[in-house]
Amino acid sequence: MRAALAHAELDDCRMRAAFGRFATGVAFVTAEVDGAPHGLIVSTFTAVSLAPPLVSFCPARSSLTWRRMRRAGRFAVHVLGADDGEFARRAAAPGAERFAEPLPDPLAVIECDLEAEHPAGDHSIVVGRVTDLHLPAATDPLVYFAGGFGVFHPTEKEPPCP
């Protein structure tokens, strides 16, 4: 393995292609600020810790939506399911009207208090402390892979908690 790649080899297009080969889930992160809903689509949501219960996602540092949302001090993560691809495509566009239609039925809703935010290049790492969970649906997840949305059909699923 080479110790370091030459900067010229790390152009944006190749980086996106390489990062895009890691399939991720898709989530809609929402917050209410001054009585108005705000939200953004993320493919960077991940569990961080069970004790304490922490999650994270990485919005672009240039995101006006996240700048507004962080003022709430709390947010909800709506994990999107197989039927939510069209919603995710529409809502991912800059300036999209994300609340024009009812929100899709998520696989899970994870409510969080904003725990920390760390600058990381052109994005931020946002850490939330989980305060409540809702598991309203049981369907296949929506995934993001190679620049597009798709569906993952697991061959085996974990049984629900006792």
C-alpha atoms as a PDB file:
ATOM      1  CA  MET A   1       0.000   0.000   0.000  1.00  0.00           C
ATOM      2  CA  ARG A   2       1.336   3.404  -0.876  1.00  0.00           C
ATOM      3  CA  ALA A   3       1.987   5.694   2.053  1.00  0.00           C
ATOM      4  CA  ALA A   4       0.272   8.673   0.414  1.00  0.00           C
ATOM      5  CA  LEU A   5      -1.438   9.470  -2.862  1.00  0.00           C
ATOM      6  CA  ALA A   6      -0.279  12.401  -4.921  1.00  0.00           C
ATOM      7  CA  HIS A   7      -2.748  15.280  -4.637  1.00  0.00           C
ATOM      8  CA  ALA A   8      -3.402  15.202  -8.392  1.00  0.00           C
ATOM      9  CA  GLU A   9      -4.758  11.656  -8.036  1.00  0.00           C
ATOM     10  CA  LEU A  10      -7.412  12.791  -5.531  1.00  0.00           C
ATOM     11  CA  ASP A  11      -9.709  14.822  -7.772  1.00  0.00           C
ATOM     12  CA  ASP A  12     -13.322  15.371  -6.673  1.00  0.00           C
ATOM     13  CA  CYS A  13     -14.807  13.088  -9.317  1.00  0.00           C
ATOM     14  CA  ARG A  14     -12.682  10.090  -8.332  1.00  0.00           C
ATOM     15  CA  MET A  15     -13.252  10.757  -4.626  1.00  0.00           C
ATOM     16  CA  ARG A  16     -17.045  10.799  -5.113  1.00  0.00           C
ATOM     17  CA  ALA A  17     -16.826   7.594  -7.138  1.00  0.00           C
ATOM     18  CA  ALA A  18     -14.766   5.843  -4.456  1.00  0.00           C
ATOM     19  CA  PHE A  19     -16.880   7.073  -1.530  1.00  0.00           C
ATOM     20  CA  GLY A  20     -20.047   6.213  -3.455  1.00  0.00           C
ATOM     21  CA  ARG A  21     -19.079   2.554  -3.595  1.00  0.00           C
ATOM     22  CA  PHE A  22     -19.916   2.213   0.080  1.00  0.00           C
ATOM     23  CA  ALA A  23     -23.663   1.585   0.323  1.00  0.00           C
ATOM     24  CA  THR A  24     -25.328   3.614   3.065  1.00  0.00           C
ATOM     25  CA  GLY A  25     -28.802   4.084   4.432  1.00  0.00           C
ATOM     26  CA  VAL A  26     -30.761   7.241   3.702  1.00  0.00           C
ATOM     27  CA  ALA A  27     -32.295   9.463   6.363  1.00  0.00           C
ATOM     28  CA  PHE A  28     -34.305  12.669   6.515  1.00  0.00           C
ATOM     29  CA  VAL A  29     -33.085  14.819   9.419  1.00  0.00           C
ATOM     30  CA  THR A  30     -35.647  17.363  10.627  1.00  0.00           C
ATOM     31  CA  ALA A  31     -35.924  20.131  13.192  1.00  0.00           C
ATOM     32  CA  GLU A  32     -38.446  22.816  14.002  1.00  0.00           C
ATOM     33  CA  VAL A  33     -37.097  26.344  14.316  1.00  0.00           C
ATOM     34  CA  ASP A  34     -39.329  29.299  15.171  1.00  0.00           C
ATOM     35  CA  GLY A  35     -42.401  27.204  14.380  1.00  0.00           C
ATOM     36  CA  ALA A  36     -41.187  26.247  10.887  1.00  0.00           C
ATOM     37  CA  PRO A  37     -40.036  22.757   9.858  1.00  0.00           C
ATOM     38  CA  HIS A  38     -36.638  22.291   8.236  1.00  0.00           C
ATOM     39  CA  GLY A  39     -35.057  19.120   6.913  1.00  0.00           C
ATOM     40  CA  LEU A  40     -32.278  17.626   4.871  1.00  0.00           C
ATOM     41  CA  ILE A  41     -31.545  14.269   3.278  1.00  0.00           C
ATOM     42  CA  VAL A  42     -28.361  12.571   4.495  1.00  0.00           C
ATOM     43  CA  SER A  43     -26.546   9.382   3.594  1.00  0.00           C
ATOM     44  CA  THR A  44     -24.015   9.879   6.385  1.00  0.00           C
ATOM     45  CA  PHE A  45     -26.172   8.861   9.355  1.00  0.00           C
ATOM     46  CA  THR A  46     -24.581   6.324  11.693  1.00  0.00           C
ATOM     47  CA  ALA A  47     -24.868   4.932  15.190  1.00  0.00           C
ATOM     48  CA  VAL A  48     -21.966   6.031  17.375  1.00  0.00           C
ATOM     49  CA  SER A  49     -22.557   4.564  20.836  1.00  0.00           C
ATOM     50  CA  LEU A  50     -25.100   2.605  22.867  1.00  0.00           C
ATOM     51  CA  ALA A  51     -23.910   3.927  26.223  1.00  0.00           C
ATOM     52  CA  PRO A  52     -24.487   6.814  26.107  1.00  0.00           C
ATOM     53  CA  PRO A  53     -26.854   6.545  23.132  1.00  0.00           C
ATOM     54  CA  LEU A  54     -25.242   8.685  20.411  1.00  0.00           C
ATOM     55  CA  VAL A  55     -25.711   9.019  16.643  1.00  0.00           C
ATOM     56  CA  SER A  56     -24.097  11.225  14.026  1.00  0.00           C
ATOM     57  CA  PHE A  57     -24.505  12.620  10.532  1.00  0.00           C
ATOM     58  CA  CYS A  58     -22.402  14.943   8.393  1.00  0.00           C
ATOM     59  CA  PRO A  59     -24.062  17.959   6.745  1.00  0.00           C
ATOM     60  CA  ALA A  60     -22.106  20.159   4.362  1.00  0.00           C
ATOM     61  CA  ARG A  61     -20.638  23.166   6.152  1.00  0.00           C
ATOM     62  CA  SER A  62     -22.179  25.284   3.387  1.00  0.00           C
ATOM     63  CA  SER A  63     -25.706  23.989   4.160  1.00  0.00           C
ATOM     64  CA  LEU A  64     -28.041  26.879   4.944  1.00  0.00           C
ATOM     65  CA  THR A  65     -30.645  24.378   6.095  1.00  0.00           C
ATOM     66  CA  TRP A  66     -28.321  22.899   8.734  1.00  0.00           C
ATOM     67  CA  ARG A  67     -27.334  26.389   9.912  1.00  0.00           C
ATOM     68  CA  ARG A  68     -31.014  27.064  10.606  1.00  0.00           C
ATOM     69  CA  MET A  69     -31.671  23.624  12.113  1.00  0.00           C
ATOM     70  CA  ARG A  70     -28.805  23.692  14.621  1.00  0.00           C
ATOM     71  CA  ARG A  71     -30.468  26.645  16.396  1.00  0.00           C
ATOM     72  CA  ALA A  72     -33.182  24.235  17.594  1.00  0.00           C
ATOM     73  CA  GLY A  73     -30.645  22.317  19.688  1.00  0.00           C
ATOM     74  CA  ARG A  74     -32.439  19.087  18.789  1.00  0.00           C
ATOM     75  CA  PHE A  75     -33.343  17.092  15.706  1.00  0.00           C
ATOM     76  CA  ALA A  76     -35.110  13.933  14.564  1.00  0.00           C
ATOM     77  CA  VAL A  77     -33.668  11.354  12.191  1.00  0.00           C
ATOM     78  CA  HIS A  78     -36.262   9.637   9.969  1.00  0.00           C
ATOM     79  CA  VAL A  79     -34.721   6.443   8.544  1.00  0.00           C
ATOM     80  CA  LEU A  80     -36.193   6.068   5.054  1.00  0.00           C
ATOM     81  CA  GLY A  81     -37.600   2.862   3.634  1.00  0.00           C
ATOM     82  CA  ALA A  82     -37.822   1.219   0.228  1.00  0.00           C
ATOM     83  CA  ASP A  83     -40.850   3.259  -0.870  1.00  0.00           C
ATOM     84  CA  ASP A  84     -39.204   6.615  -0.105  1.00  0.00           C
ATOM     85  CA  GLY A  85     -36.830   6.873  -3.078  1.00  0.00           C
ATOM     86  CA  GLU A  86     -38.862   9.470  -4.975  1.00  0.00           C
ATOM     87  CA  PHE A  87     -39.232  11.589  -1.823  1.00  0.00           C
ATOM     88  CA  ALA A  88     -35.462  11.367  -1.198  1.00  0.00           C
ATOM     89  CA  ARG A  89     -34.655  12.392  -4.790  1.00  0.00           C
ATOM     90  CA  ARG A  90     -36.939  15.437  -4.587  1.00  0.00           C
ATOM     91  CA  ALA A  91     -35.902  16.428  -1.061  1.00  0.00           C
ATOM     92  CA  ALA A  92     -32.151  16.100  -1.728  1.00  0.00           C
ATOM     93  CA  ALA A  93     -32.166  18.943  -4.262  1.00  0.00           C
ATOM     94  CA  PRO A  94     -30.918  22.295  -2.928  1.00  0.00           C
ATOM     95  CA  GLY A  95     -33.857  24.608  -2.203  1.00  0.00           C
ATOM     96  CA  ALA A  96     -36.410  21.774  -2.434  1.00  0.00           C
ATOM     97  CA  GLU A  97     -39.773  22.200  -0.715  1.00  0.00           C
ATOM     98  CA  ARG A  98     -39.331  19.255   1.638  1.00  0.00           C
ATOM     99  CA  PHE A  99     -42.615  19.626   3.508  1.00  0.00           C
ATOM    100  CA  ALA A 100     -45.019  20.193   0.592  1.00  0.00           C
ATOM    101  CA  GLU A 101     -46.314  16.631   0.976  1.00  0.00           C
ATOM    102  CA  PRO A 102     -46.774  14.477   4.074  1.00  0.00           C
ATOM    103  CA  LEU A 103     -43.572  12.886   5.319  1.00  0.00           C
ATOM    104  CA  PRO A 104     -43.085   9.252   4.349  1.00  0.00           C
ATOM    105  CA  ASP A 105     -43.607   6.521   6.925  1.00  0.00           C
ATOM    106  CA  PRO A 106     -40.069   5.906   8.194  1.00  0.00           C
ATOM    107  CA  LEU A 107     -38.474   2.673   9.333  1.00  0.00           C
ATOM    108  CA  ALA A 108     -37.477   4.471  12.517  1.00  0.00           C
ATOM    109  CA  VAL A 109     -37.540   7.943  14.033  1.00  0.00           C
ATOM    110  CA  ILE A 110     -34.678   8.767  16.370  1.00  0.00           C
ATOM    111  CA  GLU A 111     -35.122  11.943  18.404  1.00  0.00           C
ATOM    112  CA  CYS A 112     -31.929  13.620  19.585  1.00  0.00           C
ATOM    113  CA  ASP A 113     -30.529  16.563  21.472  1.00  0.00           C
ATOM    114  CA  LEU A 114     -27.558  18.204  19.765  1.00  0.00           C
ATOM    115  CA  GLU A 115     -24.541  16.923  21.716  1.00  0.00           C
ATOM    116  CA  ALA A 116     -21.608  18.250  19.673  1.00  0.00           C
ATOM    117  CA  GLU A 117     -20.564  19.519  16.278  1.00  0.00           C
ATOM    118  CA  HIS A 118     -17.056  19.171  14.883  1.00  0.00           C
ATOM    119  CA  PRO A 119     -15.691  20.771  11.702  1.00  0.00           C
ATOM    120  CA  ALA A 120     -14.331  18.156   9.292  1.00  0.00           C
ATOM    121  CA  GLY A 121     -13.179  19.519   5.950  1.00  0.00           C
ATOM    122  CA  ASP A 122     -16.119  20.752   3.898  1.00  0.00           C
ATOM    123  CA  HIS A 123     -18.603  18.999   6.214  1.00  0.00           C
ATOM    124  CA  SER A 124     -19.375  18.958   9.919  1.00  0.00           C
ATOM    125  CA  ILE A 125     -19.718  15.900  12.134  1.00  0.00           C
ATOM    126  CA  VAL A 126     -22.903  16.393  14.140  1.00  0.00           C
ATOM    127  CA  VAL A 127     -23.363  14.184  17.206  1.00  0.00           C
ATOM    128  CA  GLY A 128     -26.781  13.760  18.769  1.00  0.00           C
ATOM    129  CA  ARG A 129     -27.753  12.206  22.090  1.00  0.00           C
ATOM    130  CA  VAL A 130     -30.770   9.958  21.570  1.00  0.00           C
ATOM    131  CA  THR A 131     -33.742  10.977  23.730  1.00  0.00           C
ATOM    132  CA  ASP A 132     -36.511   8.842  22.207  1.00  0.00           C
ATOM    133  CA  LEU A 133     -37.089   6.159  19.566  1.00  0.00           C
ATOM    134  CA  HIS A 134     -40.079   5.211  17.421  1.00  0.00           C
ATOM    135  CA  LEU A 135     -40.152   2.063  15.278  1.00  0.00           C
ATOM    136  CA  PRO A 136     -43.361   2.491  13.248  1.00  0.00           C
ATOM    137  CA  ALA A 137     -42.649   0.441  10.111  1.00  0.00           C
ATOM    138  CA  ALA A 138     -41.068  -2.837   9.107  1.00  0.00           C
ATOM    139  CA  THR A 139     -39.983  -2.669   5.462  1.00  0.00           C
ATOM    140  CA  ASP A 140     -36.779  -2.856   3.483  1.00  0.00           C
ATOM    141  CA  PRO A 141     -34.421   0.133   3.732  1.00  0.00           C
ATOM    142  CA  LEU A 142     -33.654   2.739   1.106  1.00  0.00           C
ATOM    143  CA  VAL A 143     -29.931   2.783   0.289  1.00  0.00           C
ATOM    144  CA  TYR A 144     -27.607   5.191  -1.466  1.00  0.00           C
ATOM    145  CA  PHE A 145     -24.985   3.662  -3.739  1.00  0.00           C
ATOM    146  CA  ALA A 146     -22.883   5.002  -6.645  1.00  0.00           C
ATOM    147  CA  GLY A 147     -24.795   8.292  -6.745  1.00  0.00           C
ATOM    148  CA  GLY A 148     -28.283   6.804  -6.760  1.00  0.00           C
ATOM    149  CA  PHE A 149     -31.032   5.498  -4.517  1.00  0.00           C
ATOM    150  CA  GLY A 150     -32.008   1.833  -4.440  1.00  0.00           C
ATOM    151  CA  VAL A 151     -33.524  -0.827  -2.247  1.00  0.00           C
ATOM    152  CA  PHE A 152     -31.816  -3.481  -0.198  1.00  0.00           C
ATOM    153  CA  HIS A 153     -33.679  -6.743   0.401  1.00  0.00           C
ATOM    154  CA  PRO A 154     -31.959  -8.561   3.272  1.00  0.00           C
ATOM    155  CA  THR A 155     -32.089 -12.338   3.121  1.00  0.00           C
ATOM    156  CA  GLU A 156     -32.251 -12.512   6.912  1.00  0.00           C
ATOM    157  CA  LYS A 157     -33.505  -9.984   9.426  1.00  0.00           C
ATOM    158  CA  GLU A 158     -32.791  -9.787  13.121  1.00  0.00           C
ATOM    159  CA  PRO A 159     -35.719 -10.772  15.309  1.00  0.00           C
ATOM    160  CA  PRO A 160     -37.220  -7.883  17.294  1.00  0.00           C
ATOM    161  CA  CYS A 161     -35.913  -7.237  20.794  1.00  0.00           C
ATOM    162  CA  PRO A 162     -37.619  -9.305  23.497  1.00  0.00           C
END
